[in-house]
Amino acid sequence: MNKMAGSNLILLSFALCFLVTPLDASEGDADPIYKVCLEECEKSGCVGGKCFQHCKFSSDGKPIDVPWYLQEPLYQKWKQWDCGSDCRYHCMVAREEERQKLGGKPVKYHGKWPFKRVYAIQEPAAVAFSAITLALQFHGWITFFILLNYKLPLRHDKRPYYEYTGLWHIYAILAMNFWFWSAICHSRDVELTEKLDYSAAVALIGFSFILTILRAFNVREEASRVMVAAPLIAFVTTHILYLNFYKLDYGLNMKVCMVMGVAQLLIWGGWVSVTRHPSRWKVWLFNVGGILAVLLEIYDFPPYKGFLDAHALWHAANIPLAYICWSFVRDDAEFRTLTLLKKMK
């Protein structure tokens, strides 16, 4: 149940996150002044008084008459902060400074708000919040492990009484995997990191859906669990393969995540309404907090001082939600263990 609440929130949040999809064209990159800046940067390798070393390339991004290793340093090539991306970034910064002086509001470039880099990190606030949530997920998993193996009674074969132990371990690994790739993707958003981020999110949402069904309906027999999990795992795996090797379809991905997320919310809502679990209030708190966090994704606004936008605040909102989620998981493990021990007496 605890898991269900947590996964529901995260699932719906992820799903609605996909509503904010990258666009091929935005108001900023259609700006004539911005276009002229890019053209000049292609020719001179400079924006204003700032010039970029090894900045000599054609309009299609290919080197001109010089080996690539003389064009871009290897570390820049690895980060993909090449001459073209530097031109786009500094032209964007210069144009936004002009717009601000004229009293204009920030606009999006290539589907994204104009963020300020910090040590080559594209969205520093989102990266920091993702890293904190990752740390909390790890902390929650470790405290869950310690509770089960060192504080609660164990069976004769040294296994925990809690029937959902293994499932929660898998959930923890998938959650940490998602927040890791979230931090990487917001550090540098390119096709590879975007695919890894989306794939990790879908995997977490799909497994959370499975956990929701198993916990809410108290499915404990292995055969029944396999019957529930197998078709959902097959579907999620197929969807991830589709996104990575056929088409990164943001609209389809949003719909898939929305369906799984809403289904989990409905299941958890029904479960909380009928259960007498002593910590059910944490599920409600998690759900309410998650819904409020999702509103940040819907109410999109430009980054404050170039750092803190609505999506970054969504990442910040997931910090307390991660704590509440694992708090309920520990309570659920203790509640189920004590309940089973009472039945055995």
C-alpha atoms as a PDB file:
ATOM      1  CA  MET A   1       0.000   0.000   0.000  1.00  0.00           C
ATOM      2  CA  ASN A   2       2.773   2.334   0.897  1.00  0.00           C
ATOM      3  CA  LYS A   3       4.449   1.637  -2.306  1.00  0.00           C
ATOM      4  CA  MET A   4       1.301   2.144  -4.144  1.00  0.00           C
ATOM      5  CA  ALA A   5       0.838   5.602  -2.843  1.00  0.00           C
ATOM      6  CA  GLY A   6       4.356   6.605  -3.641  1.00  0.00           C
ATOM      7  CA  SER A   7       4.379   5.104  -7.065  1.00  0.00           C
ATOM      8  CA  ASN A   8       1.016   6.603  -7.933  1.00  0.00           C
ATOM      9  CA  LEU A   9       2.236  10.071  -7.261  1.00  0.00           C
ATOM     10  CA  ILE A  10       5.498   9.645  -9.037  1.00  0.00           C
ATOM     11  CA  LEU A  11       3.804   7.940 -11.935  1.00  0.00           C
ATOM     12  CA  LEU A  12       1.278  10.687 -12.460  1.00  0.00           C
ATOM     13  CA  SER A  13       3.964  13.297 -12.049  1.00  0.00           C
ATOM     14  CA  PHE A  14       6.130  11.559 -14.645  1.00  0.00           C
ATOM     15  CA  ALA A  15       3.214  11.214 -16.969  1.00  0.00           C
ATOM     16  CA  LEU A  16       2.337  14.884 -16.784  1.00  0.00           C
ATOM     17  CA  CYS A  17       5.996  15.749 -17.133  1.00  0.00           C
ATOM     18  CA  PHE A  18       5.790  14.333 -20.624  1.00  0.00           C
ATOM     19  CA  LEU A  19       3.188  16.939 -21.476  1.00  0.00           C
ATOM     20  CA  VAL A  20       6.065  19.382 -21.546  1.00  0.00           C
ATOM     21  CA  THR A  21       7.785  17.974 -24.591  1.00  0.00           C
ATOM     22  CA  PRO A  22      10.590  19.439 -26.615  1.00  0.00           C
ATOM     23  CA  LEU A  23       9.498  21.374 -29.664  1.00  0.00           C
ATOM     24  CA  ASP A  24      11.215  21.644 -32.995  1.00  0.00           C
ATOM     25  CA  ALA A  25      10.674  25.399 -33.142  1.00  0.00           C
ATOM     26  CA  SER A  26      10.027  28.034 -30.498  1.00  0.00           C
ATOM     27  CA  GLU A  27       9.625  31.783 -30.389  1.00  0.00           C
ATOM     28  CA  GLY A  28      13.257  32.287 -29.406  1.00  0.00           C
ATOM     29  CA  ASP A  29      14.935  30.336 -32.188  1.00  0.00           C
ATOM     30  CA  ALA A  30      12.574  31.937 -34.724  1.00  0.00           C
ATOM     31  CA  ASP A  31      13.764  35.392 -33.640  1.00  0.00           C
ATOM     32  CA  PRO A  32      15.582  37.107 -36.580  1.00  0.00           C
ATOM     33  CA  ILE A  33      18.152  38.681 -34.243  1.00  0.00           C
ATOM     34  CA  TYR A  34      18.949  35.275 -32.760  1.00  0.00           C
ATOM     35  CA  LYS A  35      19.297  33.785 -36.252  1.00  0.00           C
ATOM     36  CA  VAL A  36      21.691  36.531 -37.332  1.00  0.00           C
ATOM     37  CA  CYS A  37      23.758  35.928 -34.205  1.00  0.00           C
ATOM     38  CA  LEU A  38      24.052  32.228 -35.063  1.00  0.00           C
ATOM     39  CA  GLU A  39      25.085  33.002 -38.634  1.00  0.00           C
ATOM     40  CA  GLU A  40      27.766  35.420 -37.456  1.00  0.00           C
ATOM     41  CA  CYS A  41      28.996  32.936 -34.873  1.00  0.00           C
ATOM     42  CA  GLU A  42      29.339  30.285 -37.599  1.00  0.00           C
ATOM     43  CA  LYS A  43      31.567  32.603 -39.565  1.00  0.00           C
ATOM     44  CA  SER A  44      33.618  34.197 -36.795  1.00  0.00           C
ATOM     45  CA  GLY A  45      33.378  31.748 -33.897  1.00  0.00           C
ATOM     46  CA  CYS A  46      32.492  34.681 -31.634  1.00  0.00           C
ATOM     47  CA  VAL A  47      29.429  36.108 -29.895  1.00  0.00           C
ATOM     48  CA  GLY A  48      30.028  39.693 -28.871  1.00  0.00           C
ATOM     49  CA  GLY A  49      33.459  39.741 -27.288  1.00  0.00           C
ATOM     50  CA  LYS A  50      33.465  36.029 -26.445  1.00  0.00           C
ATOM     51  CA  CYS A  51      35.160  33.661 -28.893  1.00  0.00           C
ATOM     52  CA  PHE A  52      35.303  29.866 -28.848  1.00  0.00           C
ATOM     53  CA  GLN A  53      38.475  27.933 -29.460  1.00  0.00           C
ATOM     54  CA  HIS A  54      38.473  25.510 -32.410  1.00  0.00           C
ATOM     55  CA  CYS A  55      35.196  27.029 -33.631  1.00  0.00           C
ATOM     56  CA  LYS A  56      35.419  26.390 -37.345  1.00  0.00           C
ATOM     57  CA  PHE A  57      32.642  24.383 -38.972  1.00  0.00           C
ATOM     58  CA  SER A  58      30.105  24.414 -41.766  1.00  0.00           C
ATOM     59  CA  SER A  59      26.398  25.084 -41.369  1.00  0.00           C
ATOM     60  CA  ASP A  60      25.735  21.340 -41.065  1.00  0.00           C
ATOM     61  CA  GLY A  61      28.185  21.047 -38.177  1.00  0.00           C
ATOM     62  CA  LYS A  62      30.983  19.278 -40.091  1.00  0.00           C
ATOM     63  CA  PRO A  63      34.619  20.393 -39.701  1.00  0.00           C
ATOM     64  CA  ILE A  64      36.191  22.414 -42.502  1.00  0.00           C
ATOM     65  CA  ASP A  65      39.599  21.290 -43.772  1.00  0.00           C
ATOM     66  CA  VAL A  66      40.800  20.347 -40.282  1.00  0.00           C
ATOM     67  CA  PRO A  67      40.656  17.040 -38.367  1.00  0.00           C
ATOM     68  CA  TRP A  68      37.905  16.901 -35.761  1.00  0.00           C
ATOM     69  CA  TYR A  69      40.400  16.557 -32.892  1.00  0.00           C
ATOM     70  CA  LEU A  70      41.778  19.955 -33.783  1.00  0.00           C
ATOM     71  CA  GLN A  71      38.285  21.405 -33.936  1.00  0.00           C
ATOM     72  CA  GLU A  72      36.913  20.391 -30.535  1.00  0.00           C
ATOM     73  CA  PRO A  73      38.751  19.203 -27.410  1.00  0.00           C
ATOM     74  CA  LEU A  74      37.923  15.588 -26.504  1.00  0.00           C
ATOM     75  CA  TYR A  75      36.281  16.533 -23.216  1.00  0.00           C
ATOM     76  CA  GLN A  76      33.969  18.934 -25.026  1.00  0.00           C
ATOM     77  CA  LYS A  77      33.191  16.300 -27.643  1.00  0.00           C
ATOM     78  CA  TRP A  78      32.241  13.874 -24.870  1.00  0.00           C
ATOM     79  CA  LYS A  79      29.930  16.425 -23.256  1.00  0.00           C
ATOM     80  CA  GLN A  80      28.694  17.492 -26.696  1.00  0.00           C
ATOM     81  CA  TRP A  81      29.262  21.140 -25.753  1.00  0.00           C
ATOM     82  CA  ASP A  82      30.709  21.729 -29.177  1.00  0.00           C
ATOM     83  CA  CYS A  83      31.054  24.909 -31.192  1.00  0.00           C
ATOM     84  CA  GLY A  84      27.485  24.761 -32.459  1.00  0.00           C
ATOM     85  CA  SER A  85      25.929  24.316 -29.035  1.00  0.00           C
ATOM     86  CA  ASP A  86      28.149  27.063 -27.590  1.00  0.00           C
ATOM     87  CA  CYS A  87      26.989  29.429 -30.339  1.00  0.00           C
ATOM     88  CA  ARG A  88      23.342  28.618 -29.621  1.00  0.00           C
ATOM     89  CA  TYR A  89      23.813  29.065 -25.884  1.00  0.00           C
ATOM     90  CA  HIS A  90      25.706  32.374 -25.979  1.00  0.00           C
ATOM     91  CA  CYS A  91      23.470  33.816 -28.698  1.00  0.00           C
ATOM     92  CA  MET A  92      20.503  32.906 -26.506  1.00  0.00           C
ATOM     93  CA  VAL A  93      22.078  34.576 -23.469  1.00  0.00           C
ATOM     94  CA  ALA A  94      22.930  37.702 -25.452  1.00  0.00           C
ATOM     95  CA  ARG A  95      19.434  37.921 -26.931  1.00  0.00           C
ATOM     96  CA  GLU A  96      17.768  37.436 -23.543  1.00  0.00           C
ATOM     97  CA  GLU A  97      19.898  40.206 -22.037  1.00  0.00           C
ATOM     98  CA  GLU A  98      18.733  42.526 -24.816  1.00  0.00           C
ATOM     99  CA  ARG A  99      15.138  41.428 -24.315  1.00  0.00           C
ATOM    100  CA  GLN A 100      15.375  42.054 -20.570  1.00  0.00           C
ATOM    101  CA  LYS A 101      16.744  45.574 -21.088  1.00  0.00           C
ATOM    102  CA  LEU A 102      13.739  46.325 -23.309  1.00  0.00           C
ATOM    103  CA  GLY A 103      11.341  45.027 -20.667  1.00  0.00           C
ATOM    104  CA  GLY A 104      10.485  41.836 -22.549  1.00  0.00           C
ATOM    105  CA  LYS A 105       9.763  38.448 -21.000  1.00  0.00           C
ATOM    106  CA  PRO A 106      11.929  35.344 -21.492  1.00  0.00           C
ATOM    107  CA  VAL A 107      10.988  33.044 -24.362  1.00  0.00           C
ATOM    108  CA  LYS A 108      11.830  29.438 -25.146  1.00  0.00           C
ATOM    109  CA  TYR A 109      14.605  28.366 -27.493  1.00  0.00           C
ATOM    110  CA  HIS A 110      14.357  25.003 -29.209  1.00  0.00           C
ATOM    111  CA  GLY A 111      11.507  24.080 -26.867  1.00  0.00           C
ATOM    112  CA  LYS A 112      13.348  24.961 -23.655  1.00  0.00           C
ATOM    113  CA  TRP A 113      13.565  27.951 -21.339  1.00  0.00           C
ATOM    114  CA  PRO A 114      16.847  29.916 -21.297  1.00  0.00           C
ATOM    115  CA  PHE A 115      18.814  28.462 -18.378  1.00  0.00           C
ATOM    116  CA  LYS A 116      22.185  29.667 -17.177  1.00  0.00           C
ATOM    117  CA  ARG A 117      24.951  27.094 -17.116  1.00  0.00           C
ATOM    118  CA  VAL A 118      26.958  26.374 -13.999  1.00  0.00           C
ATOM    119  CA  TYR A 119      30.230  24.544 -14.720  1.00  0.00           C
ATOM    120  CA  ALA A 120      28.752  23.314 -18.028  1.00  0.00           C
ATOM    121  CA  ILE A 121      25.644  21.964 -16.246  1.00  0.00           C
ATOM    122  CA  GLN A 122      22.586  22.841 -18.290  1.00  0.00           C
ATOM    123  CA  GLU A 123      19.925  22.972 -15.521  1.00  0.00           C
ATOM    124  CA  PRO A 124      21.806  23.150 -12.199  1.00  0.00           C
ATOM    125  CA  ALA A 125      18.750  23.416  -9.923  1.00  0.00           C
ATOM    126  CA  ALA A 126      17.040  20.348 -11.412  1.00  0.00           C
ATOM    127  CA  VAL A 127      20.318  18.428 -11.217  1.00  0.00           C
ATOM    128  CA  ALA A 128      20.795  19.335  -7.543  1.00  0.00           C
ATOM    129  CA  PHE A 129      17.232  18.377  -6.604  1.00  0.00           C
ATOM    130  CA  SER A 130      17.487  15.109  -8.554  1.00  0.00           C
ATOM    131  CA  ALA A 131      20.709  14.277  -6.725  1.00  0.00           C
ATOM    132  CA  ILE A 132      19.107  14.971  -3.343  1.00  0.00           C
ATOM    133  CA  THR A 133      16.108  12.795  -4.203  1.00  0.00           C
ATOM    134  CA  LEU A 134      18.489  10.060  -5.351  1.00  0.00           C
ATOM    135  CA  ALA A 135      20.246  10.265  -1.977  1.00  0.00           C
ATOM    136  CA  LEU A 136      16.921  10.061  -0.140  1.00  0.00           C
ATOM    137  CA  GLN A 137      15.884   7.044  -2.195  1.00  0.00           C
ATOM    138  CA  PHE A 138      19.132   5.330  -1.228  1.00  0.00           C
ATOM    139  CA  HIS A 139      18.660   6.304   2.426  1.00  0.00           C
ATOM    140  CA  GLY A 140      15.081   5.023   2.396  1.00  0.00           C
ATOM    141  CA  TRP A 141      16.176   1.738   0.870  1.00  0.00           C
ATOM    142  CA  ILE A 142      18.985   1.230   3.409  1.00  0.00           C
ATOM    143  CA  THR A 143      16.746   2.008   6.396  1.00  0.00           C
ATOM    144  CA  PHE A 144      14.137  -0.398   4.985  1.00  0.00           C
ATOM    145  CA  PHE A 145      16.805  -3.102   4.691  1.00  0.00           C
ATOM    146  CA  ILE A 146      18.043  -2.502   8.246  1.00  0.00           C
ATOM    147  CA  LEU A 147      14.491  -2.584   9.627  1.00  0.00           C
ATOM    148  CA  LEU A 148      13.711  -5.915   7.985  1.00  0.00           C
ATOM    149  CA  ASN A 149      16.970  -7.708   8.752  1.00  0.00           C
ATOM    150  CA  TYR A 150      18.032  -6.298  12.120  1.00  0.00           C
ATOM    151  CA  LYS A 151      14.989  -4.892  13.918  1.00  0.00           C
ATOM    152  CA  LEU A 152      11.996  -7.033  12.965  1.00  0.00           C
ATOM    153  CA  PRO A 153      11.685 -10.763  13.707  1.00  0.00           C
ATOM    154  CA  LEU A 154      12.854 -13.153  10.967  1.00  0.00           C
ATOM    155  CA  ARG A 155      11.631 -16.554   9.886  1.00  0.00           C
ATOM    156  CA  HIS A 156      13.569 -19.692  10.766  1.00  0.00           C
ATOM    157  CA  ASP A 157      15.321 -19.509   7.401  1.00  0.00           C
ATOM    158  CA  LYS A 158      16.367 -15.892   8.156  1.00  0.00           C
ATOM    159  CA  ARG A 159      13.957 -14.421   5.609  1.00  0.00           C
ATOM    160  CA  PRO A 160      11.715 -11.448   6.543  1.00  0.00           C
ATOM    161  CA  TYR A 161       8.025 -12.022   7.195  1.00  0.00           C
ATOM    162  CA  TYR A 162       7.115  -9.072   4.984  1.00  0.00           C
ATOM    163  CA  GLU A 163       5.774 -10.546   1.734  1.00  0.00           C
ATOM    164  CA  TYR A 164       6.744  -7.610  -0.480  1.00  0.00           C
ATOM    165  CA  THR A 165      10.410  -7.348   0.485  1.00  0.00           C
ATOM    166  CA  GLY A 166      11.871  -8.404  -2.866  1.00  0.00           C
ATOM    167  CA  LEU A 167       9.484  -6.204  -4.808  1.00  0.00           C
ATOM    168  CA  TRP A 168      10.494  -3.168  -2.778  1.00  0.00           C
ATOM    169  CA  HIS A 169      14.167  -3.866  -3.374  1.00  0.00           C
ATOM    170  CA  ILE A 170      13.524  -3.866  -7.126  1.00  0.00           C
ATOM    171  CA  TYR A 171      11.501  -0.681  -6.791  1.00  0.00           C
ATOM    172  CA  ALA A 172      14.369   1.017  -4.943  1.00  0.00           C
ATOM    173  CA  ILE A 173      16.868   0.080  -7.657  1.00  0.00           C
ATOM    174  CA  LEU A 174      14.566   1.369 -10.410  1.00  0.00           C
ATOM    175  CA  ALA A 175      13.842   4.582  -8.481  1.00  0.00           C
ATOM    176  CA  MET A 176      17.543   5.290  -7.929  1.00  0.00           C
ATOM    177  CA  ASN A 177      18.212   4.469 -11.558  1.00  0.00           C
ATOM    178  CA  PHE A 178      15.594   7.005 -12.656  1.00  0.00           C
ATOM    179  CA  TRP A 179      16.840   9.829 -10.442  1.00  0.00           C
ATOM    180  CA  PHE A 180      20.424   9.150 -11.524  1.00  0.00           C
ATOM    181  CA  TRP A 181      19.540   9.509 -15.203  1.00  0.00           C
ATOM    182  CA  SER A 182      17.316  12.466 -14.418  1.00  0.00           C
ATOM    183  CA  ALA A 183      20.342  14.263 -12.977  1.00  0.00           C
ATOM    184  CA  ILE A 184      22.468  13.270 -15.985  1.00  0.00           C
ATOM    185  CA  CYS A 185      19.826  14.357 -18.506  1.00  0.00           C
ATOM    186  CA  HIS A 186      19.384  17.763 -16.892  1.00  0.00           C
ATOM    187  CA  SER A 187      23.147  18.182 -16.838  1.00  0.00           C
ATOM    188  CA  ARG A 188      23.262  17.813 -20.621  1.00  0.00           C
ATOM    189  CA  ASP A 189      20.097  17.136 -22.588  1.00  0.00           C
ATOM    190  CA  VAL A 190      21.053  15.252 -25.745  1.00  0.00           C
ATOM    191  CA  GLU A 191      19.338  12.369 -27.527  1.00  0.00           C
ATOM    192  CA  LEU A 192      21.173   9.644 -25.598  1.00  0.00           C
ATOM    193  CA  THR A 193      20.602  11.088 -22.112  1.00  0.00           C
ATOM    194  CA  GLU A 194      16.990  11.890 -22.999  1.00  0.00           C
ATOM    195  CA  LYS A 195      16.327   8.294 -24.058  1.00  0.00           C
ATOM    196  CA  LEU A 196      17.955   6.950 -20.913  1.00  0.00           C
ATOM    197  CA  ASP A 197      15.934   9.339 -18.749  1.00  0.00           C
ATOM    198  CA  TYR A 198      12.628   8.446 -20.415  1.00  0.00           C
ATOM    199  CA  SER A 199      13.403   4.731 -20.399  1.00  0.00           C
ATOM    200  CA  ALA A 200      14.238   4.807 -16.694  1.00  0.00           C
ATOM    201  CA  ALA A 201      11.008   6.702 -15.956  1.00  0.00           C
ATOM    202  CA  VAL A 202       8.852   4.263 -17.928  1.00  0.00           C
ATOM    203  CA  ALA A 203      10.524   1.290 -16.240  1.00  0.00           C
ATOM    204  CA  LEU A 204       9.851   2.776 -12.807  1.00  0.00           C
ATOM    205  CA  ILE A 205       6.254   3.660 -13.644  1.00  0.00           C
ATOM    206  CA  GLY A 206       5.575   0.237 -15.114  1.00  0.00           C
ATOM    207  CA  PHE A 207       7.018  -1.616 -12.152  1.00  0.00           C
ATOM    208  CA  SER A 208       5.193   0.691  -9.742  1.00  0.00           C
ATOM    209  CA  PHE A 209       1.961  -0.237 -11.520  1.00  0.00           C
ATOM    210  CA  ILE A 210       2.715  -3.903 -10.928  1.00  0.00           C
ATOM    211  CA  LEU A 211       3.517  -3.236  -7.265  1.00  0.00           C
ATOM    212  CA  THR A 212       0.326  -1.248  -6.888  1.00  0.00           C
ATOM    213  CA  ILE A 213      -1.800  -4.150  -8.070  1.00  0.00           C
ATOM    214  CA  LEU A 214       0.062  -6.736  -5.990  1.00  0.00           C
ATOM    215  CA  ARG A 215      -0.008  -4.704  -2.774  1.00  0.00           C
ATOM    216  CA  ALA A 216      -3.502  -3.250  -3.047  1.00  0.00           C
ATOM    217  CA  PHE A 217      -5.085  -6.623  -3.823  1.00  0.00           C
ATOM    218  CA  ASN A 218      -2.767  -8.465  -1.434  1.00  0.00           C
ATOM    219  CA  VAL A 219      -1.470 -10.858  -4.090  1.00  0.00           C
ATOM    220  CA  ARG A 220       0.960 -13.173  -2.317  1.00  0.00           C
ATOM    221  CA  GLU A 221       1.073 -16.403  -4.333  1.00  0.00           C
ATOM    222  CA  GLU A 222       3.950 -16.548  -6.788  1.00  0.00           C
ATOM    223  CA  ALA A 223       1.853 -17.961  -9.620  1.00  0.00           C
ATOM    224  CA  SER A 224      -0.688 -15.146  -9.302  1.00  0.00           C
ATOM    225  CA  ARG A 225       2.073 -12.553  -9.187  1.00  0.00           C
ATOM    226  CA  VAL A 226       3.578 -13.906 -12.390  1.00  0.00           C
ATOM    227  CA  MET A 227       0.177 -13.796 -14.111  1.00  0.00           C
ATOM    228  CA  VAL A 228      -0.166 -10.102 -13.160  1.00  0.00           C
ATOM    229  CA  ALA A 229       3.418  -9.053 -13.845  1.00  0.00           C
ATOM    230  CA  ALA A 230       4.231 -10.930 -17.066  1.00  0.00           C
ATOM    231  CA  PRO A 231       1.925  -9.054 -19.488  1.00  0.00           C
ATOM    232  CA  LEU A 232       2.769  -5.676 -17.929  1.00  0.00           C
ATOM    233  CA  ILE A 233       6.516  -6.342 -18.090  1.00  0.00           C
ATOM    234  CA  ALA A 234       6.153  -7.384 -21.717  1.00  0.00           C
ATOM    235  CA  PHE A 235       4.207  -4.217 -22.519  1.00  0.00           C
ATOM    236  CA  VAL A 236       6.643  -1.873 -20.736  1.00  0.00           C
ATOM    237  CA  THR A 237       9.652  -3.589 -22.319  1.00  0.00           C
ATOM    238  CA  THR A 238       8.115  -3.271 -25.789  1.00  0.00           C
ATOM    239  CA  HIS A 239       7.351   0.396 -25.183  1.00  0.00           C
ATOM    240  CA  ILE A 240      10.925   1.126 -24.076  1.00  0.00           C
ATOM    241  CA  LEU A 241      12.311  -0.652 -27.136  1.00  0.00           C
ATOM    242  CA  TYR A 242       9.954   1.368 -29.330  1.00  0.00           C
ATOM    243  CA  LEU A 243      11.140   4.657 -27.829  1.00  0.00           C
ATOM    244  CA  ASN A 244      14.817   3.768 -28.161  1.00  0.00           C
ATOM    245  CA  PHE A 245      15.027   1.995 -31.480  1.00  0.00           C
ATOM    246  CA  TYR A 246      12.045   3.130 -33.522  1.00  0.00           C
ATOM    247  CA  LYS A 247      10.762   6.563 -32.553  1.00  0.00           C
ATOM    248  CA  LEU A 248      11.050   8.749 -29.455  1.00  0.00           C
ATOM    249  CA  ASP A 249       7.353   9.596 -29.577  1.00  0.00           C
ATOM    250  CA  TYR A 250       6.659  12.072 -26.755  1.00  0.00           C
ATOM    251  CA  GLY A 251       2.896  12.086 -27.318  1.00  0.00           C
ATOM    252  CA  LEU A 252       2.578   8.300 -27.208  1.00  0.00           C
ATOM    253  CA  ASN A 253       4.863   8.077 -24.204  1.00  0.00           C
ATOM    254  CA  MET A 254       2.777  10.652 -22.346  1.00  0.00           C
ATOM    255  CA  LYS A 255      -0.407   8.680 -23.021  1.00  0.00           C
ATOM    256  CA  VAL A 256       1.117   5.400 -21.878  1.00  0.00           C
ATOM    257  CA  CYS A 257       2.422   6.943 -18.651  1.00  0.00           C
ATOM    258  CA  MET A 258      -0.860   8.761 -18.033  1.00  0.00           C
ATOM    259  CA  VAL A 259      -2.876   5.553 -18.319  1.00  0.00           C
ATOM    260  CA  MET A 260      -0.611   3.674 -15.902  1.00  0.00           C
ATOM    261  CA  GLY A 261      -0.427   6.620 -13.518  1.00  0.00           C
ATOM    262  CA  VAL A 262      -4.165   7.289 -13.370  1.00  0.00           C
ATOM    263  CA  ALA A 263      -4.870   3.567 -12.959  1.00  0.00           C
ATOM    264  CA  GLN A 264      -2.539   3.466  -9.954  1.00  0.00           C
ATOM    265  CA  LEU A 265      -4.153   6.532  -8.396  1.00  0.00           C
ATOM    266  CA  LEU A 266      -7.586   4.952  -8.713  1.00  0.00           C
ATOM    267  CA  ILE A 267      -6.416   1.644  -7.240  1.00  0.00           C
ATOM    268  CA  TRP A 268      -4.605   3.291  -4.337  1.00  0.00           C
ATOM    269  CA  GLY A 269      -7.517   5.636  -3.696  1.00  0.00           C
ATOM    270  CA  GLY A 270      -9.880   2.677  -3.432  1.00  0.00           C
ATOM    271  CA  TRP A 271      -7.452   0.781  -1.223  1.00  0.00           C
ATOM    272  CA  VAL A 272      -6.977   3.648   1.217  1.00  0.00           C
ATOM    273  CA  SER A 273     -10.752   4.095   1.439  1.00  0.00           C
ATOM    274  CA  VAL A 274     -11.338   0.562   2.705  1.00  0.00           C
ATOM    275  CA  THR A 275      -8.153  -0.256   4.625  1.00  0.00           C
ATOM    276  CA  ARG A 276      -7.585   0.163   8.359  1.00  0.00           C
ATOM    277  CA  HIS A 277      -3.858   0.460   8.000  1.00  0.00           C
ATOM    278  CA  PRO A 278      -2.523   2.689  10.822  1.00  0.00           C
ATOM    279  CA  SER A 279      -0.326   4.680   8.437  1.00  0.00           C
ATOM    280  CA  ARG A 280      -2.890   5.215   5.696  1.00  0.00           C
ATOM    281  CA  TRP A 281      -2.722   8.961   6.342  1.00  0.00           C
ATOM    282  CA  LYS A 282       0.771   8.945   4.854  1.00  0.00           C
ATOM    283  CA  VAL A 283      -0.658   7.597   1.621  1.00  0.00           C
ATOM    284  CA  TRP A 284      -3.163  10.453   1.508  1.00  0.00           C
ATOM    285  CA  LEU A 285      -0.421  12.948   2.324  1.00  0.00           C
ATOM    286  CA  PHE A 286       1.772  11.540  -0.411  1.00  0.00           C
ATOM    287  CA  ASN A 287      -1.064  11.620  -2.939  1.00  0.00           C
ATOM    288  CA  VAL A 288      -2.056  15.191  -2.113  1.00  0.00           C
ATOM    289  CA  GLY A 289       1.561  16.340  -2.216  1.00  0.00           C
ATOM    290  CA  GLY A 290       2.074  14.551  -5.512  1.00  0.00           C
ATOM    291  CA  ILE A 291      -0.946  16.186  -7.093  1.00  0.00           C
ATOM    292  CA  LEU A 292       0.254  19.613  -5.954  1.00  0.00           C
ATOM    293  CA  ALA A 293       3.673  18.833  -7.398  1.00  0.00           C
ATOM    294  CA  VAL A 294       2.083  17.899 -10.719  1.00  0.00           C
ATOM    295  CA  LEU A 295       0.470  21.345 -10.837  1.00  0.00           C
ATOM    296  CA  LEU A 296       3.980  22.762 -11.107  1.00  0.00           C
ATOM    297  CA  GLU A 297       4.391  20.884 -14.386  1.00  0.00           C
ATOM    298  CA  ILE A 298       1.102  22.249 -15.667  1.00  0.00           C
ATOM    299  CA  TYR A 299       1.820  25.819 -14.562  1.00  0.00           C
ATOM    300  CA  ASP A 300       4.955  26.347 -16.623  1.00  0.00           C
ATOM    301  CA  PHE A 301       6.922  29.560 -16.039  1.00  0.00           C
ATOM    302  CA  PRO A 302      10.383  30.798 -17.057  1.00  0.00           C
ATOM    303  CA  PRO A 303      13.355  30.168 -14.754  1.00  0.00           C
ATOM    304  CA  TYR A 304      13.844  32.726 -11.976  1.00  0.00           C
ATOM    305  CA  LYS A 305      17.294  34.328 -12.390  1.00  0.00           C
ATOM    306  CA  GLY A 306      17.904  31.740 -15.106  1.00  0.00           C
ATOM    307  CA  PHE A 307      17.924  28.795 -12.674  1.00  0.00           C
ATOM    308  CA  LEU A 308      14.606  27.922 -10.992  1.00  0.00           C
ATOM    309  CA  ASP A 309      11.614  27.111 -13.188  1.00  0.00           C
ATOM    310  CA  ALA A 310       8.435  25.086 -12.589  1.00  0.00           C
ATOM    311  CA  HIS A 311      10.077  21.799 -13.540  1.00  0.00           C
ATOM    312  CA  ALA A 312      12.958  22.418 -11.137  1.00  0.00           C
ATOM    313  CA  LEU A 313      10.410  23.036  -8.370  1.00  0.00           C
ATOM    314  CA  TRP A 314       8.737  19.744  -9.307  1.00  0.00           C
ATOM    315  CA  HIS A 315      12.067  18.066  -8.682  1.00  0.00           C
ATOM    316  CA  ALA A 316      12.297  19.858  -5.337  1.00  0.00           C
ATOM    317  CA  ALA A 317       8.783  18.695  -4.392  1.00  0.00           C
ATOM    318  CA  ASN A 318       9.857  15.086  -4.908  1.00  0.00           C
ATOM    319  CA  ILE A 319      12.362  15.380  -2.067  1.00  0.00           C
ATOM    320  CA  PRO A 320       9.790  15.272   0.778  1.00  0.00           C
ATOM    321  CA  LEU A 321       7.641  12.847  -1.229  1.00  0.00           C
ATOM    322  CA  ALA A 322      10.514  10.356  -1.368  1.00  0.00           C
ATOM    323  CA  TYR A 323      10.866  10.585   2.415  1.00  0.00           C
ATOM    324  CA  ILE A 324       7.135  10.092   2.993  1.00  0.00           C
ATOM    325  CA  CYS A 325       7.046   7.154   0.589  1.00  0.00           C
ATOM    326  CA  TRP A 326       9.810   5.210   2.321  1.00  0.00           C
ATOM    327  CA  SER A 327       8.422   6.139   5.730  1.00  0.00           C
ATOM    328  CA  PHE A 328       5.225   4.402   4.763  1.00  0.00           C
ATOM    329  CA  VAL A 329       7.088   1.413   3.333  1.00  0.00           C
ATOM    330  CA  ARG A 330       8.793   0.873   6.682  1.00  0.00           C
ATOM    331  CA  ASP A 331       5.474   1.236   8.510  1.00  0.00           C
ATOM    332  CA  ASP A 332       3.849  -1.229   6.153  1.00  0.00           C
ATOM    333  CA  ALA A 333       6.638  -3.770   6.670  1.00  0.00           C
ATOM    334  CA  GLU A 334       6.303  -3.497  10.428  1.00  0.00           C
ATOM    335  CA  PHE A 335       2.492  -3.634  10.322  1.00  0.00           C
ATOM    336  CA  ARG A 336       2.402  -6.698   8.049  1.00  0.00           C
ATOM    337  CA  THR A 337       5.101  -8.494  10.077  1.00  0.00           C
ATOM    338  CA  LEU A 338       3.288  -7.982  13.389  1.00  0.00           C
ATOM    339  CA  THR A 339      -0.026  -8.984  11.823  1.00  0.00           C
ATOM    340  CA  LEU A 340       1.424 -12.255  10.527  1.00  0.00           C
ATOM    341  CA  LEU A 341       3.057 -13.024  13.875  1.00  0.00           C
ATOM    342  CA  LYS A 342      -0.263 -12.529  15.671  1.00  0.00           C
ATOM    343  CA  LYS A 343      -2.000 -14.936  13.290  1.00  0.00           C
ATOM    344  CA  MET A 344       0.662 -17.570  13.919  1.00  0.00           C
ATOM    345  CA  LYS A 345       0.122 -17.517  17.698  1.00  0.00           C
END
